[in-house]
Amino acid sequence: MEIPEKKQAEALQEVARLGAERAAAVNEVERITTELREASVTAAKLGAARTRIKELGGVAATTLYAWFEAAGLEVQARRPRKTAAKKTTRGGESA
């Protein structure tokens, strides 16, 4: 006879193990991100191309520029998005 509580306990142990593993991974990501942010700001202060920093760091532009702004580096305002031109048909009517 199978005892359901035993299977539940095994499943909960697996949940606890994976939860602890995930917490450790999140802590590691936070540590690496802090180091990456500091290294990125230092590289920018030394004159490295911001595009190159973004490429090598694998960081989104919005994240990178937020780090720069927080560090007091000059960041240009984003250009407004271009809207798509209204399509027209050959007779000049709107599509």
PDB file of N, CA and C in Angstrom:
ATOM      1  N   MET A   1       0.842  -1.186   0.000  1.00  0.00           N
ATOM      2  CA  MET A   1       0.000   0.000   0.000  1.00  0.00           C
ATOM      3  C   MET A   1       0.885   1.247   0.000  1.00  0.00           C
ATOM      4  N   GLU A   2       0.576   2.149  -0.917  1.00  0.00           N
ATOM      5  CA  GLU A   2       1.363   3.381  -1.024  1.00  0.00           C
ATOM      6  C   GLU A   2       0.774   4.448  -0.109  1.00  0.00           C
ATOM      7  N   ILE A   3       1.662   5.134   0.587  1.00  0.00           N
ATOM      8  CA  ILE A   3       1.230   6.188   1.511  1.00  0.00           C
ATOM      9  C   ILE A   3       1.379   7.524   0.796  1.00  0.00           C
ATOM     10  N   PRO A   4       0.260   8.261   0.579  1.00  0.00           N
ATOM     11  CA  PRO A   4       0.338   9.525  -0.162  1.00  0.00           C
ATOM     12  C   PRO A   4       1.215  10.565   0.532  1.00  0.00           C
ATOM     13  N   GLU A   5       1.239  10.548   1.835  1.00  0.00           N
ATOM     14  CA  GLU A   5       2.062  11.523   2.566  1.00  0.00           C
ATOM     15  C   GLU A   5       3.542  11.352   2.255  1.00  0.00           C
ATOM     16  N   LYS A   6       3.951  10.100   1.981  1.00  0.00           N
ATOM     17  CA  LYS A   6       5.357   9.845   1.644  1.00  0.00           C
ATOM     18  C   LYS A   6       5.698  10.483   0.304  1.00  0.00           C
ATOM     19  N   LYS A   7       4.811  10.312  -0.700  1.00  0.00           N
ATOM     20  CA  LYS A   7       5.030  10.936  -2.010  1.00  0.00           C
ATOM     21  C   LYS A   7       5.006  12.455  -1.892  1.00  0.00           C
ATOM     22  N   GLN A   8       4.111  12.978  -1.069  1.00  0.00           N
ATOM     23  CA  GLN A   8       4.029  14.424  -0.861  1.00  0.00           C
ATOM     24  C   GLN A   8       5.309  14.946  -0.225  1.00  0.00           C
ATOM     25  N   ALA A   9       5.827  14.218   0.754  1.00  0.00           N
ATOM     26  CA  ALA A   9       7.059  14.630   1.426  1.00  0.00           C
ATOM     27  C   ALA A   9       8.226  14.649   0.441  1.00  0.00           C
ATOM     28  N   GLU A  10       8.292  13.628  -0.428  1.00  0.00           N
ATOM     29  CA  GLU A  10       9.354  13.587  -1.430  1.00  0.00           C
ATOM     30  C   GLU A  10       9.244  14.765  -2.394  1.00  0.00           C
ATOM     31  N   ALA A  11       8.022  15.054  -2.813  1.00  0.00           N
ATOM     32  CA  ALA A  11       7.804  16.174  -3.731  1.00  0.00           C
ATOM     33  C   ALA A  11       8.169  17.498  -3.060  1.00  0.00           C
ATOM     34  N   LEU A  12       7.807  17.655  -1.804  1.00  0.00           N
ATOM     35  CA  LEU A  12       8.125  18.886  -1.078  1.00  0.00           C
ATOM     36  C   LEU A  12       9.628  19.027  -0.853  1.00  0.00           C
ATOM     37  N   GLN A  13      10.314  17.914  -0.643  1.00  0.00           N
ATOM     38  CA  GLN A  13      11.774  17.970  -0.509  1.00  0.00           C
ATOM     39  C   GLN A  13      12.402  18.461  -1.810  1.00  0.00           C
ATOM     40  N   GLU A  14      11.867  18.007  -2.942  1.00  0.00           N
ATOM     41  CA  GLU A  14      12.376  18.446  -4.245  1.00  0.00           C
ATOM     42  C   GLU A  14      12.098  19.940  -4.442  1.00  0.00           C
ATOM     43  N   VAL A  15      10.905  20.383  -4.044  1.00  0.00           N
ATOM     44  CA  VAL A  15      10.572  21.804  -4.120  1.00  0.00           C
ATOM     45  C   VAL A  15      11.544  22.614  -3.270  1.00  0.00           C
ATOM     46  N   ALA A  16      11.824  22.161  -2.068  1.00  0.00           N
ATOM     47  CA  ALA A  16      12.741  22.877  -1.173  1.00  0.00           C
ATOM     48  C   ALA A  16      14.153  22.922  -1.748  1.00  0.00           C
ATOM     49  N   ARG A  17      14.599  21.800  -2.318  1.00  0.00           N
ATOM     50  CA  ARG A  17      15.941  21.752  -2.910  1.00  0.00           C
ATOM     51  C   ARG A  17      16.046  22.734  -4.073  1.00  0.00           C
ATOM     52  N   LEU A  18      15.050  22.711  -4.950  1.00  0.00           N
ATOM     53  CA  LEU A  18      15.072  23.603  -6.113  1.00  0.00           C
ATOM     54  C   LEU A  18      14.897  25.061  -5.699  1.00  0.00           C
ATOM     55  N   GLY A  19      14.108  25.316  -4.683  1.00  0.00           N
ATOM     56  CA  GLY A  19      13.948  26.677  -4.181  1.00  0.00           C
ATOM     57  C   GLY A  19      15.260  27.237  -3.655  1.00  0.00           C
ATOM     58  N   ALA A  20      15.990  26.411  -2.919  1.00  0.00           N
ATOM     59  CA  ALA A  20      17.291  26.839  -2.393  1.00  0.00           C
ATOM     60  C   ALA A  20      18.286  27.058  -3.527  1.00  0.00           C
ATOM     61  N   GLU A  21      18.249  26.174  -4.532  1.00  0.00           N
ATOM     62  CA  GLU A  21      19.143  26.318  -5.691  1.00  0.00           C
ATOM     63  C   GLU A  21      18.826  27.601  -6.450  1.00  0.00           C
ATOM     64  N   ARG A  22      17.543  27.885  -6.619  1.00  0.00           N
ATOM     65  CA  ARG A  22      17.127  29.102  -7.313  1.00  0.00           C
ATOM     66  C   ARG A  22      17.568  30.347  -6.544  1.00  0.00           C
ATOM     67  N   ALA A  23      17.402  30.335  -5.228  1.00  0.00           N
ATOM     68  CA  ALA A  23      17.802  31.487  -4.414  1.00  0.00           C
ATOM     69  C   ALA A  23      19.300  31.749  -4.547  1.00  0.00           C
ATOM     70  N   ALA A  24      20.083  30.679  -4.564  1.00  0.00           N
ATOM     71  CA  ALA A  24      21.530  30.832  -4.734  1.00  0.00           C
ATOM     72  C   ALA A  24      21.856  31.413  -6.107  1.00  0.00           C
ATOM     73  N   ALA A  25      21.142  30.959  -7.135  1.00  0.00           N
ATOM     74  CA  ALA A  25      21.375  31.470  -8.488  1.00  0.00           C
ATOM     75  C   ALA A  25      21.001  32.943  -8.594  1.00  0.00           C
ATOM     76  N   VAL A  26      19.889  33.330  -7.972  1.00  0.00           N
ATOM     77  CA  VAL A  26      19.466  34.732  -7.993  1.00  0.00           C
ATOM     78  C   VAL A  26      20.513  35.604  -7.298  1.00  0.00           C
ATOM     79  N   ASN A  27      21.032  35.148  -6.182  1.00  0.00           N
ATOM     80  CA  ASN A  27      22.078  35.902  -5.478  1.00  0.00           C
ATOM     81  C   ASN A  27      23.319  36.057  -6.345  1.00  0.00           C
ATOM     82  N   GLU A  28      23.672  35.004  -7.065  1.00  0.00           N
ATOM     83  CA  GLU A  28      24.845  35.057  -7.948  1.00  0.00           C
ATOM     84  C   GLU A  28      24.608  36.038  -9.099  1.00  0.00           C
ATOM     85  N   VAL A  29      23.422  36.018  -9.670  1.00  0.00           N
ATOM     86  CA  VAL A  29      23.091  36.948 -10.761  1.00  0.00           C
ATOM     87  C   VAL A  29      23.165  38.389 -10.253  1.00  0.00           C
ATOM     88  N   GLU A  30      22.651  38.647  -9.069  1.00  0.00           N
ATOM     89  CA  GLU A  30      22.697  40.003  -8.513  1.00  0.00           C
ATOM     90  C   GLU A  30      24.135  40.458  -8.295  1.00  0.00           C
ATOM     91  N   ARG A  31      24.990  39.555  -7.817  1.00  0.00           N
ATOM     92  CA  ARG A  31      26.404  39.891  -7.605  1.00  0.00           C
ATOM     93  C   ARG A  31      27.083  40.209  -8.925  1.00  0.00           C
ATOM     94  N   ILE A  32      26.861  39.370  -9.932  1.00  0.00           N
ATOM     95  CA  ILE A  32      27.481  39.575 -11.235  1.00  0.00           C
ATOM     96  C   ILE A  32      26.960  40.857 -11.885  1.00  0.00           C
ATOM     97  N   THR A  33      25.668  41.118 -11.748  1.00  0.00           N
ATOM     98  CA  THR A  33      25.087  42.331 -12.322  1.00  0.00           C
ATOM     99  C   THR A  33      25.696  43.577 -11.698  1.00  0.00           C
ATOM    100  N   THR A  34      25.906  43.554 -10.405  1.00  0.00           N
ATOM    101  CA  THR A  34      26.551  44.690  -9.729  1.00  0.00           C
ATOM    102  C   THR A  34      27.952  44.911 -10.286  1.00  0.00           C
ATOM    103  N   GLU A  35      28.708  43.833 -10.440  1.00  0.00           N
ATOM    104  CA  GLU A  35      30.062  43.946 -10.989  1.00  0.00           C
ATOM    105  C   GLU A  35      30.033  44.435 -12.435  1.00  0.00           C
ATOM    106  N   LEU A  36      29.080  43.926 -13.222  1.00  0.00           N
ATOM    107  CA  LEU A  36      28.948  44.341 -14.616  1.00  0.00           C
ATOM    108  C   LEU A  36      28.590  45.817 -14.714  1.00  0.00           C
ATOM    109  N   ARG A  37      27.707  46.283 -13.846  1.00  0.00           N
ATOM    110  CA  ARG A  37      27.319  47.699 -13.838  1.00  0.00           C
ATOM    111  C   ARG A  37      28.535  48.569 -13.534  1.00  0.00           C
ATOM    112  N   GLU A  38      29.301  48.197 -12.515  1.00  0.00           N
ATOM    113  CA  GLU A  38      30.491  48.976 -12.139  1.00  0.00           C
ATOM    114  C   GLU A  38      31.528  48.976 -13.261  1.00  0.00           C
ATOM    115  N   ALA A  39      31.745  47.821 -13.882  1.00  0.00           N
ATOM    116  CA  ALA A  39      32.726  47.729 -14.968  1.00  0.00           C
ATOM    117  C   ALA A  39      32.261  48.524 -16.187  1.00  0.00           C
ATOM    118  N   SER A  40      30.975  48.503 -16.461  1.00  0.00           N
ATOM    119  CA  SER A  40      30.430  49.249 -17.602  1.00  0.00           C
ATOM    120  C   SER A  40      30.593  50.744 -17.404  1.00  0.00           C
ATOM    121  N   VAL A  41      30.304  51.222 -16.210  1.00  0.00           N
ATOM    122  CA  VAL A  41      30.450  52.652 -15.909  1.00  0.00           C
ATOM    123  C   VAL A  41      31.922  53.051 -16.004  1.00  0.00           C
ATOM    124  N   THR A  42      32.791  52.221 -15.474  1.00  0.00           N
ATOM    125  CA  THR A  42      34.231  52.513 -15.546  1.00  0.00           C
ATOM    126  C   THR A  42      34.689  52.580 -16.998  1.00  0.00           C
ATOM    127  N   ALA A  43      34.259  51.621 -17.812  1.00  0.00           N
ATOM    128  CA  ALA A  43      34.649  51.615 -19.225  1.00  0.00           C
ATOM    129  C   ALA A  43      34.159  52.877 -19.930  1.00  0.00           C
ATOM    130  N   ALA A  44      32.933  53.293 -19.632  1.00  0.00           N
ATOM    131  CA  ALA A  44      32.392  54.513 -20.253  1.00  0.00           C
ATOM    132  C   ALA A  44      33.183  55.735 -19.811  1.00  0.00           C
ATOM    133  N   LYS A  45      33.544  55.795 -18.542  1.00  0.00           N
ATOM    134  CA  LYS A  45      34.328  56.931 -18.038  1.00  0.00           C
ATOM    135  C   LYS A  45      35.703  56.990 -18.693  1.00  0.00           C
ATOM    136  N   LEU A  46      36.225  55.835 -19.090  1.00  0.00           N
ATOM    137  CA  LEU A  46      37.528  55.781 -19.739  1.00  0.00           C
ATOM    138  C   LEU A  46      37.434  56.022 -21.249  1.00  0.00           C
ATOM    139  N   GLY A  47      36.217  56.232 -21.743  1.00  0.00           N
ATOM    140  CA  GLY A  47      36.049  56.584 -23.140  1.00  0.00           C
ATOM    141  C   GLY A  47      35.674  55.442 -24.070  1.00  0.00           C
ATOM    142  N   ALA A  48      35.379  54.272 -23.534  1.00  0.00           N
ATOM    143  CA  ALA A  48      34.987  53.151 -24.394  1.00  0.00           C
ATOM    144  C   ALA A  48      33.653  53.467 -25.067  1.00  0.00           C
ATOM    145  N   ALA A  49      33.486  52.978 -26.278  1.00  0.00           N
ATOM    146  CA  ALA A  49      32.248  53.201 -27.017  1.00  0.00           C
ATOM    147  C   ALA A  49      31.095  52.521 -26.286  1.00  0.00           C
ATOM    148  N   ARG A  50      30.037  53.260 -26.117  1.00  0.00           N
ATOM    149  CA  ARG A  50      28.892  52.728 -25.381  1.00  0.00           C
ATOM    150  C   ARG A  50      28.257  51.547 -26.092  1.00  0.00           C
ATOM    151  N   THR A  51      28.260  51.564 -27.405  1.00  0.00           N
ATOM    152  CA  THR A  51      27.725  50.442 -28.168  1.00  0.00           C
ATOM    153  C   THR A  51      28.541  49.180 -27.896  1.00  0.00           C
ATOM    154  N   ARG A  52      29.839  49.344 -27.816  1.00  0.00           N
ATOM    155  CA  ARG A  52      30.723  48.192 -27.548  1.00  0.00           C
ATOM    156  C   ARG A  52      30.488  47.656 -26.140  1.00  0.00           C
ATOM    157  N   ILE A  53      30.308  48.548 -25.181  1.00  0.00           N
ATOM    158  CA  ILE A  53      30.022  48.128 -23.805  1.00  0.00           C
ATOM    159  C   ILE A  53      28.732  47.318 -23.791  1.00  0.00           C
ATOM    160  N   LYS A  54      27.720  47.815 -24.481  1.00  0.00           N
ATOM    161  CA  LYS A  54      26.421  47.137 -24.555  1.00  0.00           C
ATOM    162  C   LYS A  54      26.569  45.752 -25.176  1.00  0.00           C
ATOM    163  N   GLU A  55      27.311  45.660 -26.268  1.00  0.00           N
ATOM    164  CA  GLU A  55      27.498  44.377 -26.963  1.00  0.00           C
ATOM    165  C   GLU A  55      28.230  43.366 -26.085  1.00  0.00           C
ATOM    166  N   LEU A  56      29.339  43.795 -25.512  1.00  0.00           N
ATOM    167  CA  LEU A  56      30.158  42.873 -24.724  1.00  0.00           C
ATOM    168  C   LEU A  56      29.479  42.474 -23.417  1.00  0.00           C
ATOM    169  N   GLY A  57      28.727  43.392 -22.843  1.00  0.00           N
ATOM    170  CA  GLY A  57      28.054  43.098 -21.584  1.00  0.00           C
ATOM    171  C   GLY A  57      26.750  42.348 -21.751  1.00  0.00           C
ATOM    172  N   GLY A  58      26.238  42.328 -22.988  1.00  0.00           N
ATOM    173  CA  GLY A  58      24.970  41.652 -23.217  1.00  0.00           C
ATOM    174  C   GLY A  58      23.828  42.311 -22.467  1.00  0.00           C
ATOM    175  N   VAL A  59      23.883  43.649 -22.421  1.00  0.00           N
ATOM    176  CA  VAL A  59      22.909  44.417 -21.644  1.00  0.00           C
ATOM    177  C   VAL A  59      22.032  45.226 -22.597  1.00  0.00           C
ATOM    178  N   ALA A  60      20.764  45.333 -22.279  1.00  0.00           N
ATOM    179  CA  ALA A  60      19.852  46.153 -23.073  1.00  0.00           C
ATOM    180  C   ALA A  60      20.269  47.617 -22.956  1.00  0.00           C
ATOM    181  N   ALA A  61      20.058  48.365 -24.023  1.00  0.00           N
ATOM    182  CA  ALA A  61      20.438  49.780 -24.043  1.00  0.00           C
ATOM    183  C   ALA A  61      19.758  50.552 -22.919  1.00  0.00           C
ATOM    184  N   THR A  62      18.490  50.281 -22.678  1.00  0.00           N
ATOM    185  CA  THR A  62      17.784  51.023 -21.625  1.00  0.00           C
ATOM    186  C   THR A  62      18.409  50.771 -20.257  1.00  0.00           C
ATOM    187  N   THR A  63      18.815  49.537 -20.010  1.00  0.00           N
ATOM    188  CA  THR A  63      19.470  49.205 -18.738  1.00  0.00           C
ATOM    189  C   THR A  63      20.816  49.907 -18.642  1.00  0.00           C
ATOM    190  N   LEU A  64      21.602  49.818 -19.698  1.00  0.00           N
ATOM    191  CA  LEU A  64      22.931  50.419 -19.690  1.00  0.00           C
ATOM    192  C   LEU A  64      22.858  51.924 -19.456  1.00  0.00           C
ATOM    193  N   TYR A  65      21.966  52.599 -20.176  1.00  0.00           N
ATOM    194  CA  TYR A  65      21.868  54.044 -20.022  1.00  0.00           C
ATOM    195  C   TYR A  65      21.291  54.431 -18.666  1.00  0.00           C
ATOM    196  N   ALA A  66      20.470  53.596 -18.079  1.00  0.00           N
ATOM    197  CA  ALA A  66      19.987  53.847 -16.714  1.00  0.00           C
ATOM    198  C   ALA A  66      21.151  53.761 -15.730  1.00  0.00           C
ATOM    199  N   TRP A  67      22.046  52.806 -15.938  1.00  0.00           N
ATOM    200  CA  TRP A  67      23.238  52.705 -15.084  1.00  0.00           C
ATOM    201  C   TRP A  67      24.102  53.954 -15.237  1.00  0.00           C
ATOM    202  N   PHE A  68      24.294  54.399 -16.473  1.00  0.00           N
ATOM    203  CA  PHE A  68      25.109  55.586 -16.721  1.00  0.00           C
ATOM    204  C   PHE A  68      24.495  56.807 -16.049  1.00  0.00           C
ATOM    205  N   GLU A  69      23.196  56.958 -16.201  1.00  0.00           N
ATOM    206  CA  GLU A  69      22.506  58.094 -15.602  1.00  0.00           C
ATOM    207  C   GLU A  69      22.647  58.081 -14.086  1.00  0.00           C
ATOM    208  N   ALA A  70      22.481  56.912 -13.484  1.00  0.00           N
ATOM    209  CA  ALA A  70      22.594  56.777 -12.028  1.00  0.00           C
ATOM    210  C   ALA A  70      24.012  57.096 -11.551  1.00  0.00           C
ATOM    211  N   ALA A  71      24.996  56.849 -12.423  1.00  0.00           N
ATOM    212  CA  ALA A  71      26.394  57.124 -12.071  1.00  0.00           C
ATOM    213  C   ALA A  71      26.784  58.568 -12.361  1.00  0.00           C
ATOM    214  N   GLY A  72      25.834  59.350 -12.892  1.00  0.00           N
ATOM    215  CA  GLY A  72      26.114  60.752 -13.169  1.00  0.00           C
ATOM    216  C   GLY A  72      26.748  61.017 -14.519  1.00  0.00           C
ATOM    217  N   LEU A  73      26.747  60.015 -15.394  1.00  0.00           N
ATOM    218  CA  LEU A  73      27.281  60.222 -16.738  1.00  0.00           C
ATOM    219  C   LEU A  73      26.215  60.872 -17.605  1.00  0.00           C
ATOM    220  N   GLU A  74      26.663  61.644 -18.568  1.00  0.00           N
ATOM    221  CA  GLU A  74      25.724  62.316 -19.466  1.00  0.00           C
ATOM    222  C   GLU A  74      25.094  61.296 -20.410  1.00  0.00           C
ATOM    223  N   VAL A  75      23.789  61.384 -20.513  1.00  0.00           N
ATOM    224  CA  VAL A  75      23.040  60.493 -21.394  1.00  0.00           C
ATOM    225  C   VAL A  75      22.109  61.351 -22.229  1.00  0.00           C
ATOM    226  N   GLN A  76      22.163  61.168 -23.531  1.00  0.00           N
ATOM    227  CA  GLN A  76      21.279  61.932 -24.409  1.00  0.00           C
ATOM    228  C   GLN A  76      19.847  61.437 -24.259  1.00  0.00           C
ATOM    229  N   ALA A  77      18.920  62.377 -24.389  1.00  0.00           N
ATOM    230  CA  ALA A  77      17.504  62.003 -24.344  1.00  0.00           C
ATOM    231  C   ALA A  77      17.195  61.126 -25.544  1.00  0.00           C
ATOM    232  N   ARG A  78      16.310  60.163 -25.349  1.00  0.00           N
ATOM    233  CA  ARG A  78      15.934  59.282 -26.455  1.00  0.00           C
ATOM    234  C   ARG A  78      15.144  60.056 -27.488  1.00  0.00           C
ATOM    235  N   ARG A  79      15.402  59.725 -28.730  1.00  0.00           N
ATOM    236  CA  ARG A  79      14.644  60.335 -29.823  1.00  0.00           C
ATOM    237  C   ARG A  79      13.238  59.757 -29.819  1.00  0.00           C
ATOM    238  N   PRO A  80      12.267  60.586 -30.152  1.00  0.00           N
ATOM    239  CA  PRO A  80      10.904  60.049 -30.221  1.00  0.00           C
ATOM    240  C   PRO A  80      10.815  58.998 -31.315  1.00  0.00           C
ATOM    241  N   ARG A  81       9.973  58.014 -31.091  1.00  0.00           N
ATOM    242  CA  ARG A  81       9.794  56.962 -32.086  1.00  0.00           C
ATOM    243  C   ARG A  81       9.152  57.534 -33.339  1.00  0.00           C
ATOM    244  N   LYS A  82       9.613  57.047 -34.449  1.00  0.00           N
ATOM    245  CA  LYS A  82       9.007  57.457 -35.709  1.00  0.00           C
ATOM    246  C   LYS A  82       7.726  56.650 -35.886  1.00  0.00           C
ATOM    247  N   THR A  83       6.672  57.328 -36.285  1.00  0.00           N
ATOM    248  CA  THR A  83       5.430  56.617 -36.550  1.00  0.00           C
ATOM    249  C   THR A  83       5.386  56.249 -38.019  1.00  0.00           C
ATOM    250  N   ALA A  84       4.757  55.168 -38.310  1.00  0.00           N
ATOM    251  CA  ALA A  84       4.667  54.715 -39.698  1.00  0.00           C
ATOM    252  C   ALA A  84       3.828  55.703 -40.493  1.00  0.00           C
ATOM    253  N   ALA A  85       4.276  55.976 -41.695  1.00  0.00           N
ATOM    254  CA  ALA A  85       3.526  56.878 -42.571  1.00  0.00           C
ATOM    255  C   ALA A  85       2.218  56.216 -42.969  1.00  0.00           C
ATOM    256  N   LYS A  86       1.218  57.015 -43.117  1.00  0.00           N
ATOM    257  CA  LYS A  86      -0.097  56.487 -43.510  1.00  0.00           C
ATOM    258  C   LYS A  86      -0.006  55.980 -44.934  1.00  0.00           C
ATOM    259  N   LYS A  87      -0.435  54.727 -45.154  1.00  0.00           N
ATOM    260  CA  LYS A  87      -0.387  54.146 -46.490  1.00  0.00           C
ATOM    261  C   LYS A  87      -1.533  54.670 -47.324  1.00  0.00           C
ATOM    262  N   THR A  88      -1.227  54.914 -48.578  1.00  0.00           N
ATOM    263  CA  THR A  88      -2.271  55.347 -49.513  1.00  0.00           C
ATOM    264  C   THR A  88      -2.288  54.416 -50.711  1.00  0.00           C
ATOM    265  N   THR A  89      -3.416  54.349 -51.347  1.00  0.00           N
ATOM    266  CA  THR A  89      -3.537  53.527 -52.561  1.00  0.00           C
ATOM    267  C   THR A  89      -3.130  54.378 -53.761  1.00  0.00           C
ATOM    268  N   ARG A  90      -3.120  53.790 -54.921  1.00  0.00           N
ATOM    269  CA  ARG A  90      -2.713  54.520 -56.130  1.00  0.00           C
ATOM    270  C   ARG A  90      -3.627  55.687 -56.430  1.00  0.00           C
ATOM    271  N   GLY A  91      -4.879  55.594 -56.060  1.00  0.00           N
ATOM    272  CA  GLY A  91      -5.821  56.686 -56.327  1.00  0.00           C
ATOM    273  C   GLY A  91      -5.739  57.779 -55.278  1.00  0.00           C
ATOM    274  N   GLY A  92      -4.819  57.665 -54.319  1.00  0.00           N
ATOM    275  CA  GLY A  92      -4.656  58.681 -53.294  1.00  0.00           C
ATOM    276  C   GLY A  92      -5.549  58.483 -52.076  1.00  0.00           C
ATOM    277  N   GLU A  93      -6.316  57.370 -52.055  1.00  0.00           N
ATOM    278  CA  GLU A  93      -7.174  57.101 -50.912  1.00  0.00           C
ATOM    279  C   GLU A  93      -6.373  56.432 -49.807  1.00  0.00           C
ATOM    280  N   SER A  94      -6.816  56.605 -48.586  1.00  0.00           N
ATOM    281  CA  SER A  94      -6.152  55.936 -47.470  1.00  0.00           C
ATOM    282  C   SER A  94      -6.431  54.441 -47.530  1.00  0.00           C
ATOM    283  N   ALA A  95      -5.448  53.662 -47.184  1.00  0.00           N
ATOM    284  CA  ALA A  95      -5.613  52.213 -47.216  1.00  0.00           C
ATOM    285  C   ALA A  95      -6.332  51.714 -45.992  1.00  0.00           C
TER     286      ALA A  95
END
